[in-house]
Amino acid sequence: MHVFRMAQATAAASAERAAQDREKVTEARDQLAAAIVEAARDGMRQIDIVRVTGYTRERVRQILRAHGVTPD
């Protein structure tokens, strides 16, 4: 029984760490999206944003549209 409880505790700790890691990923994505929007509003071309971020042009377009940035 002792080994089972240790395994449960380890699994619970792993689940908590995974939740924290998911939160960090979400925060990082939000920060990157904000930087993409700022860059676009400052005049950076989408193709240059694509090159810097590694995102596809479509993904950059989606992020910009979601934040109210439309093509000129």
N, C-alpha and C. Protein backbone atom coordinates (compact mmCIF):
# COMPACT_ATOMS: atom_id res chain seq x y z
N MET A 1 0.82 -1.19 0.00
CA MET A 1 0.00 0.00 0.00
C MET A 1 0.86 1.26 0.00
N HIS A 2 1.98 1.22 0.69
CA HIS A 2 2.84 2.39 0.79
C HIS A 2 3.33 2.82 -0.60
N VAL A 3 3.71 1.87 -1.43
CA VAL A 3 4.19 2.17 -2.78
C VAL A 3 3.07 2.80 -3.61
N PHE A 4 1.86 2.31 -3.44
CA PHE A 4 0.72 2.86 -4.17
C PHE A 4 0.50 4.32 -3.81
N ARG A 5 0.56 4.65 -2.53
CA ARG A 5 0.37 6.04 -2.09
C ARG A 5 1.48 6.94 -2.60
N MET A 6 2.69 6.41 -2.63
CA MET A 6 3.80 7.20 -3.17
C MET A 6 3.57 7.47 -4.66
N ALA A 7 3.09 6.45 -5.35
CA ALA A 7 2.80 6.61 -6.78
C ALA A 7 1.69 7.63 -7.00
N GLN A 8 0.68 7.59 -6.14
CA GLN A 8 -0.41 8.57 -6.24
C GLN A 8 0.12 9.99 -6.02
N ALA A 9 0.96 10.15 -5.02
CA ALA A 9 1.52 11.47 -4.72
C ALA A 9 2.39 11.96 -5.88
N THR A 10 3.16 11.06 -6.44
CA THR A 10 4.01 11.42 -7.58
C THR A 10 3.15 11.82 -8.78
N ALA A 11 2.10 11.07 -9.02
CA ALA A 11 1.20 11.38 -10.14
C ALA A 11 0.52 12.73 -9.92
N ALA A 12 0.10 13.00 -8.70
CA ALA A 12 -0.54 14.28 -8.40
C ALA A 12 0.44 15.43 -8.59
N ALA A 13 1.67 15.25 -8.14
CA ALA A 13 2.68 16.29 -8.31
C ALA A 13 2.99 16.51 -9.80
N SER A 14 3.03 15.44 -10.56
CA SER A 14 3.28 15.55 -12.00
C SER A 14 2.13 16.28 -12.69
N ALA A 15 0.92 15.99 -12.28
CA ALA A 15 -0.24 16.66 -12.87
C ALA A 15 -0.20 18.16 -12.56
N GLU A 16 0.19 18.50 -11.35
CA GLU A 16 0.29 19.91 -10.96
C GLU A 16 1.37 20.62 -11.78
N ARG A 17 2.52 19.97 -11.94
CA ARG A 17 3.59 20.56 -12.75
C ARG A 17 3.15 20.74 -14.19
N ALA A 18 2.43 19.76 -14.71
CA ALA A 18 1.94 19.85 -16.09
C ALA A 18 0.97 21.03 -16.23
N ALA A 19 0.11 21.22 -15.25
CA ALA A 19 -0.82 22.35 -15.29
C ALA A 19 -0.07 23.68 -15.25
N GLN A 20 0.96 23.75 -14.41
CA GLN A 20 1.78 24.97 -14.34
C GLN A 20 2.50 25.21 -15.66
N ASP A 21 3.01 24.16 -16.25
CA ASP A 21 3.70 24.29 -17.54
C ASP A 21 2.75 24.75 -18.64
N ARG A 22 1.53 24.22 -18.63
CA ARG A 22 0.54 24.66 -19.62
C ARG A 22 0.24 26.14 -19.45
N GLU A 23 0.16 26.59 -18.21
CA GLU A 23 -0.08 28.01 -17.93
C GLU A 23 1.08 28.86 -18.46
N LYS A 24 2.29 28.40 -18.27
CA LYS A 24 3.46 29.13 -18.78
C LYS A 24 3.44 29.21 -20.30
N VAL A 25 3.06 28.13 -20.94
CA VAL A 25 2.98 28.11 -22.40
C VAL A 25 1.92 29.11 -22.87
N THR A 26 0.78 29.12 -22.21
CA THR A 26 -0.29 30.06 -22.56
C THR A 26 0.19 31.49 -22.41
N GLU A 27 0.88 31.78 -21.30
CA GLU A 27 1.40 33.13 -21.08
C GLU A 27 2.42 33.51 -22.15
N ALA A 28 3.29 32.58 -22.51
CA ALA A 28 4.30 32.86 -23.53
C ALA A 28 3.63 33.12 -24.88
N ARG A 29 2.61 32.35 -25.22
CA ARG A 29 1.90 32.56 -26.48
C ARG A 29 1.21 33.92 -26.49
N ASP A 30 0.62 34.29 -25.36
CA ASP A 30 -0.04 35.59 -25.26
C ASP A 30 0.97 36.73 -25.43
N GLN A 31 2.14 36.57 -24.82
CA GLN A 31 3.18 37.59 -24.95
C GLN A 31 3.68 37.68 -26.39
N LEU A 32 3.84 36.54 -27.04
CA LEU A 32 4.28 36.54 -28.43
C LEU A 32 3.22 37.19 -29.32
N ALA A 33 1.96 36.88 -29.07
CA ALA A 33 0.88 37.49 -29.85
C ALA A 33 0.89 39.01 -29.68
N ALA A 34 1.09 39.47 -28.45
CA ALA A 34 1.16 40.92 -28.20
C ALA A 34 2.34 41.54 -28.95
N ALA A 35 3.46 40.85 -28.97
CA ALA A 35 4.64 41.36 -29.68
C ALA A 35 4.39 41.38 -31.19
N ILE A 36 3.70 40.37 -31.70
CA ILE A 36 3.36 40.32 -33.12
C ILE A 36 2.47 41.50 -33.49
N VAL A 37 1.46 41.74 -32.67
CA VAL A 37 0.54 42.85 -32.92
C VAL A 37 1.29 44.18 -32.87
N GLU A 38 2.12 44.35 -31.87
CA GLU A 38 2.90 45.59 -31.74
C GLU A 38 3.80 45.79 -32.96
N ALA A 39 4.47 44.74 -33.38
CA ALA A 39 5.36 44.83 -34.53
C ALA A 39 4.58 45.22 -35.79
N ALA A 40 3.43 44.60 -35.98
CA ALA A 40 2.62 44.92 -37.16
C ALA A 40 2.14 46.36 -37.12
N ARG A 41 1.71 46.81 -35.95
CA ARG A 41 1.25 48.20 -35.82
C ARG A 41 2.38 49.19 -36.01
N ASP A 42 3.59 48.76 -35.70
CA ASP A 42 4.77 49.61 -35.90
C ASP A 42 5.27 49.58 -37.34
N GLY A 43 4.60 48.80 -38.19
CA GLY A 43 4.93 48.80 -39.61
C GLY A 43 5.72 47.60 -40.11
N MET A 44 5.98 46.64 -39.25
CA MET A 44 6.71 45.45 -39.70
C MET A 44 5.83 44.63 -40.64
N ARG A 45 6.40 44.19 -41.73
CA ARG A 45 5.65 43.39 -42.71
C ARG A 45 5.37 41.99 -42.15
N GLN A 46 4.24 41.43 -42.57
CA GLN A 46 3.88 40.09 -42.10
C GLN A 46 4.95 39.07 -42.44
N ILE A 47 5.53 39.16 -43.62
CA ILE A 47 6.55 38.18 -44.01
C ILE A 47 7.75 38.25 -43.07
N ASP A 48 8.08 39.44 -42.59
CA ASP A 48 9.18 39.58 -41.64
C ASP A 48 8.81 39.01 -40.27
N ILE A 49 7.55 39.19 -39.89
CA ILE A 49 7.07 38.61 -38.63
C ILE A 49 7.11 37.08 -38.73
N VAL A 50 6.73 36.56 -39.88
CA VAL A 50 6.77 35.11 -40.12
C VAL A 50 8.20 34.60 -39.95
N ARG A 51 9.15 35.30 -40.54
CA ARG A 51 10.55 34.87 -40.46
C ARG A 51 11.07 34.89 -39.03
N VAL A 52 10.70 35.91 -38.28
CA VAL A 52 11.20 36.05 -36.91
C VAL A 52 10.56 35.03 -35.97
N THR A 53 9.26 34.82 -36.12
CA THR A 53 8.54 33.96 -35.17
C THR A 53 8.57 32.48 -35.54
N GLY A 54 8.70 32.20 -36.83
CA GLY A 54 8.59 30.81 -37.26
C GLY A 54 7.16 30.37 -37.46
N TYR A 55 6.20 31.25 -37.20
CA TYR A 55 4.80 30.95 -37.45
C TYR A 55 4.54 31.01 -38.95
N THR A 56 3.47 30.36 -39.38
CA THR A 56 3.08 30.47 -40.78
C THR A 56 2.45 31.85 -41.01
N ARG A 57 2.41 32.24 -42.26
CA ARG A 57 1.78 33.52 -42.59
C ARG A 57 0.31 33.51 -42.17
N GLU A 58 -0.35 32.38 -42.35
CA GLU A 58 -1.75 32.26 -41.95
C GLU A 58 -1.92 32.44 -40.45
N ARG A 59 -1.04 31.84 -39.66
CA ARG A 59 -1.14 31.98 -38.20
C ARG A 59 -0.92 33.42 -37.78
N VAL A 60 0.05 34.08 -38.39
CA VAL A 60 0.28 35.50 -38.09
C VAL A 60 -0.96 36.30 -38.44
N ARG A 61 -1.54 36.02 -39.60
CA ARG A 61 -2.75 36.72 -40.03
C ARG A 61 -3.89 36.51 -39.02
N GLN A 62 -4.04 35.27 -38.54
CA GLN A 62 -5.09 34.97 -37.56
C GLN A 62 -4.88 35.76 -36.27
N ILE A 63 -3.66 35.81 -35.80
CA ILE A 63 -3.35 36.55 -34.56
C ILE A 63 -3.66 38.03 -34.75
N LEU A 64 -3.23 38.58 -35.88
CA LEU A 64 -3.47 40.00 -36.13
C LEU A 64 -4.96 40.30 -36.23
N ARG A 65 -5.71 39.48 -36.95
CA ARG A 65 -7.15 39.71 -37.08
C ARG A 65 -7.84 39.61 -35.72
N ALA A 66 -7.41 38.66 -34.91
CA ALA A 66 -8.01 38.49 -33.58
C ALA A 66 -7.79 39.71 -32.69
N HIS A 67 -6.75 40.48 -33.02
CA HIS A 67 -6.44 41.68 -32.23
C HIS A 67 -6.81 42.96 -32.97
N GLY A 68 -7.62 42.82 -34.00
CA GLY A 68 -8.15 43.99 -34.69
C GLY A 68 -7.21 44.65 -35.67
N VAL A 69 -6.14 43.97 -36.05
CA VAL A 69 -5.21 44.53 -37.03
C VAL A 69 -5.62 44.01 -38.40
N THR A 70 -5.96 44.93 -39.29
CA THR A 70 -6.39 44.54 -40.63
C THR A 70 -5.38 45.03 -41.66
N PRO A 71 -5.36 44.40 -42.82
CA PRO A 71 -4.42 44.85 -43.85
C PRO A 71 -4.78 46.25 -44.33
N ASP A 72 -3.77 46.96 -44.77
CA ASP A 72 -4.01 48.33 -45.26
C ASP A 72 -4.73 48.34 -46.58
